[in-house]
């Protein structure tokens, strides 16, 4: 089983993540204190078929920024740990995900070289206690700490639809990228390592 747990404590947040990359997408345990964020993390887990527990105690009295970014950091670290040596994985994947008028695109390379690119206009609309601008911060933190190349883009008018489509596209693309292919021997790289 490719499973990892990680806990990170700072003066701003305490975050605990447990992820099983070979899960079933069972209803996750999510307690971030930000309802919309829990909703999108649940969509990520469901469409990725990941079993996920993510709990965060953050300084929400300030705003949601530290909590959302730190959840990205810890989830990225846990994904990297769960992947281990990356032997036999598909490594690269992409997904278009529509949600009503919104269309999200995600491309992933589990290269070990962190890079993040984002195209889209999300604004700073508040979705419950979640500022739409935090979606980009979450994915940047995750990509840098998981060591993956991540390209995301989204079109649409409704921020709820745009962000939910991004999380679903990311989950589906990550699911395909981490999938083991029995034809791949060792790591999928011409260099012989990732």
Protein backbone atom coordinates (compact mmCIF):
# COMPACT_ATOMS: atom_id res chain seq x y z
CA UNK A 1 0.00 0.00 0.00
CA UNK A 2 1.25 3.44 -0.92
CA UNK A 3 0.21 5.32 2.18
CA UNK A 4 1.79 8.19 4.13
CA UNK A 5 1.02 10.30 7.16
CA UNK A 6 2.60 13.63 8.00
CA UNK A 7 2.08 16.22 10.75
CA UNK A 8 3.37 19.79 10.65
CA UNK A 9 3.10 22.28 13.52
CA UNK A 10 3.85 25.99 13.28
CA UNK A 11 2.81 29.04 15.27
CA UNK A 12 -0.04 29.50 12.75
CA UNK A 13 -1.31 25.98 12.07
CA UNK A 14 -1.21 22.33 13.03
CA UNK A 15 -1.92 20.10 10.03
CA UNK A 16 -2.18 16.32 9.88
CA UNK A 17 -2.60 14.41 6.63
CA UNK A 18 -3.00 10.69 5.96
CA UNK A 19 -3.33 9.64 2.32
CA UNK A 20 -3.61 6.25 0.65
CA UNK A 21 -2.90 6.51 -3.07
CA UNK A 22 -4.37 3.03 -3.61
CA UNK A 23 -7.63 3.78 -1.86
CA UNK A 24 -11.23 3.72 -3.02
CA UNK A 25 -12.25 7.36 -2.73
CA UNK A 26 -14.21 6.51 0.42
CA UNK A 27 -15.78 9.48 2.22
CA UNK A 28 -12.79 11.38 3.60
CA UNK A 29 -12.21 12.74 7.08
CA UNK A 30 -11.82 16.48 6.55
CA UNK A 31 -11.67 19.07 9.32
CA UNK A 32 -10.04 22.30 8.21
CA UNK A 33 -12.55 24.70 9.71
CA UNK A 34 -13.31 26.00 6.19
CA UNK A 35 -16.41 24.34 4.78
CA UNK A 36 -15.85 25.06 1.10
CA UNK A 37 -12.23 23.88 1.34
CA UNK A 38 -13.39 20.61 2.90
CA UNK A 39 -15.88 20.29 0.05
CA UNK A 40 -13.20 20.67 -2.64
CA UNK A 41 -10.75 18.37 -0.85
CA UNK A 42 -13.52 15.79 -0.76
CA UNK A 43 -13.97 16.15 -4.53
CA UNK A 44 -10.20 15.69 -5.01
CA UNK A 45 -10.23 12.48 -2.96
CA UNK A 46 -13.34 11.08 -4.64
CA UNK A 47 -12.19 11.64 -8.20
CA UNK A 48 -8.65 10.55 -7.38
CA UNK A 49 -9.90 7.40 -5.61
CA UNK A 50 -7.68 8.38 -2.68
CA UNK A 51 -8.47 7.63 0.94
CA UNK A 52 -7.78 10.90 2.73
CA UNK A 53 -7.75 12.28 6.25
CA UNK A 54 -6.85 15.94 6.60
CA UNK A 55 -7.20 17.93 9.77
CA UNK A 56 -6.08 21.49 10.33
CA UNK A 57 -6.24 23.78 13.34
CA UNK A 58 -5.33 27.19 12.03
CA UNK A 59 -5.48 30.86 12.85
CA UNK A 60 -8.82 31.36 11.10
CA UNK A 61 -9.35 34.44 13.23
CA UNK A 62 -6.83 36.07 10.84
CA UNK A 63 -8.19 34.49 7.66
CA UNK A 64 -7.93 31.20 5.78
CA UNK A 65 -4.62 31.82 4.03
CA UNK A 66 -2.26 30.08 6.46
CA UNK A 67 -4.55 27.08 6.84
CA UNK A 68 -5.08 26.55 3.10
CA UNK A 69 -1.43 27.04 2.16
CA UNK A 70 -0.17 24.82 4.99
CA UNK A 71 -2.65 22.08 4.02
CA UNK A 72 -1.12 22.24 0.52
CA UNK A 73 2.38 21.94 1.98
CA UNK A 74 1.51 18.92 4.15
CA UNK A 75 -0.57 17.16 1.49
CA UNK A 76 2.31 17.63 -0.96
CA UNK A 77 4.80 16.12 1.48
CA UNK A 78 2.48 13.17 2.14
CA UNK A 79 1.93 12.50 -1.59
CA UNK A 80 5.69 12.55 -2.18
CA UNK A 81 6.28 10.13 0.70
CA UNK A 82 3.49 7.79 -0.42
CA UNK A 83 4.99 7.60 -3.92
CA UNK A 84 8.26 6.25 -2.56
CA UNK A 85 10.73 5.48 -5.36
CA UNK A 86 8.00 5.90 -8.03
CA UNK A 87 8.79 2.57 -9.62
CA UNK A 88 6.27 1.44 -12.22
CA UNK A 89 4.09 4.57 -12.12
CA UNK A 90 2.59 6.12 -15.24
CA UNK A 91 4.18 9.42 -14.13
CA UNK A 92 2.44 11.84 -16.52
CA UNK A 93 -1.24 12.57 -16.95
CA UNK A 94 -3.77 15.23 -17.83
CA UNK A 95 -7.49 15.83 -17.46
CA UNK A 96 -10.12 18.22 -18.76
CA UNK A 97 -12.95 18.49 -16.24
CA UNK A 98 -16.19 20.37 -17.01
CA UNK A 99 -18.56 21.64 -14.35
CA UNK A 100 -21.51 23.48 -15.82
CA UNK A 101 -20.09 26.61 -17.49
CA UNK A 102 -16.59 26.06 -16.03
CA UNK A 103 -13.87 24.01 -17.67
CA UNK A 104 -10.67 23.10 -15.82
CA UNK A 105 -7.53 21.53 -17.24
CA UNK A 106 -4.77 19.83 -15.27
CA UNK A 107 -1.47 18.38 -16.52
CA UNK A 108 0.90 16.60 -14.12
CA UNK A 109 4.41 15.21 -14.32
CA UNK A 110 5.66 13.42 -11.20
CA UNK A 111 9.16 14.41 -12.27
CA UNK A 112 10.67 15.37 -8.94
CA UNK A 113 11.15 18.86 -10.39
CA UNK A 114 8.68 21.23 -8.73
CA UNK A 115 7.02 23.74 -11.03
CA UNK A 116 3.61 25.39 -10.97
CA UNK A 117 1.80 27.31 -13.72
CA UNK A 118 -1.71 28.67 -13.47
CA UNK A 119 -4.00 30.40 -15.98
CA UNK A 120 -7.42 31.70 -15.08
CA UNK A 121 -9.31 34.44 -13.31
CA UNK A 122 -10.68 33.42 -9.92
CA UNK A 123 -10.90 36.79 -8.24
CA UNK A 124 -11.20 37.05 -4.46
CA UNK A 125 -14.88 36.21 -4.02
CA UNK A 126 -15.65 34.61 -0.65
CA UNK A 127 -17.13 31.11 -0.84
CA UNK A 128 -18.15 30.63 2.76
CA UNK A 129 -14.88 31.20 4.63
CA UNK A 130 -12.74 30.48 1.57
CA UNK A 131 -11.37 33.28 -0.63
CA UNK A 132 -11.29 32.13 -4.27
CA UNK A 133 -7.73 33.47 -4.54
CA UNK A 134 -6.57 30.76 -2.10
CA UNK A 135 -7.05 27.95 -4.64
CA UNK A 136 -3.93 29.04 -6.53
CA UNK A 137 -1.96 29.28 -3.26
CA UNK A 138 -3.00 25.75 -2.27
CA UNK A 139 -1.93 24.17 -5.55
CA UNK A 140 1.37 26.07 -5.63
CA UNK A 141 2.26 24.88 -2.11
CA UNK A 142 1.28 21.32 -2.97
CA UNK A 143 3.28 21.20 -6.22
CA UNK A 144 6.42 22.63 -4.62
CA UNK A 145 6.32 20.16 -1.71
CA UNK A 146 5.28 17.09 -3.70
CA UNK A 147 8.04 17.76 -6.24
CA UNK A 148 5.71 17.68 -9.20
CA UNK A 149 5.26 19.76 -12.32
CA UNK A 150 1.68 21.04 -12.27
CA UNK A 151 -0.10 23.07 -14.94
CA UNK A 152 -3.65 24.22 -14.18
CA UNK A 153 -6.03 26.40 -16.12
CA UNK A 154 -9.69 27.21 -15.78
CA UNK A 155 -12.40 29.12 -17.63
CA UNK A 156 -15.85 30.01 -16.39
CA UNK A 157 -17.90 32.62 -14.55
CA UNK A 158 -18.88 30.94 -11.30
CA UNK A 159 -15.97 30.73 -8.83
CA UNK A 160 -17.51 27.76 -7.00
CA UNK A 161 -17.70 25.78 -10.25
CA UNK A 162 -14.22 26.87 -11.37
CA UNK A 163 -12.49 25.85 -8.14
CA UNK A 164 -14.39 22.61 -7.71
CA UNK A 165 -13.56 21.68 -11.32
CA UNK A 166 -9.87 22.40 -10.62
CA UNK A 167 -9.82 20.07 -7.60
CA UNK A 168 -11.64 17.34 -9.53
CA UNK A 169 -9.32 17.68 -12.53
CA UNK A 170 -6.30 17.53 -10.25
CA UNK A 171 -7.62 14.44 -8.46
CA UNK A 172 -8.37 12.63 -11.72
CA UNK A 173 -5.02 13.52 -13.30
CA UNK A 174 -3.06 12.57 -10.17
CA UNK A 175 -4.93 9.27 -10.01
CA UNK A 176 -3.77 8.40 -13.53
CA UNK A 177 -0.20 9.63 -12.95
CA UNK A 178 0.31 7.52 -9.80
CA UNK A 179 -1.25 4.41 -11.35
CA UNK A 180 1.15 1.50 -11.69
CA UNK A 181 1.64 0.07 -15.18
CA UNK A 182 2.96 -3.51 -15.18
CA UNK A 183 4.84 -2.82 -18.43
CA UNK A 184 7.00 -0.17 -16.74
CA UNK A 185 10.09 -1.61 -15.12
CA UNK A 186 11.81 0.64 -12.60
CA UNK A 187 11.14 4.35 -12.82
CA UNK A 188 9.69 5.88 -16.00
CA UNK A 189 12.66 8.06 -16.91
CA UNK A 190 15.38 8.00 -19.54
CA UNK A 191 17.72 9.14 -16.73
CA UNK A 192 16.98 6.05 -14.67
CA UNK A 193 15.79 8.10 -11.70
CA UNK A 194 13.15 10.62 -10.72
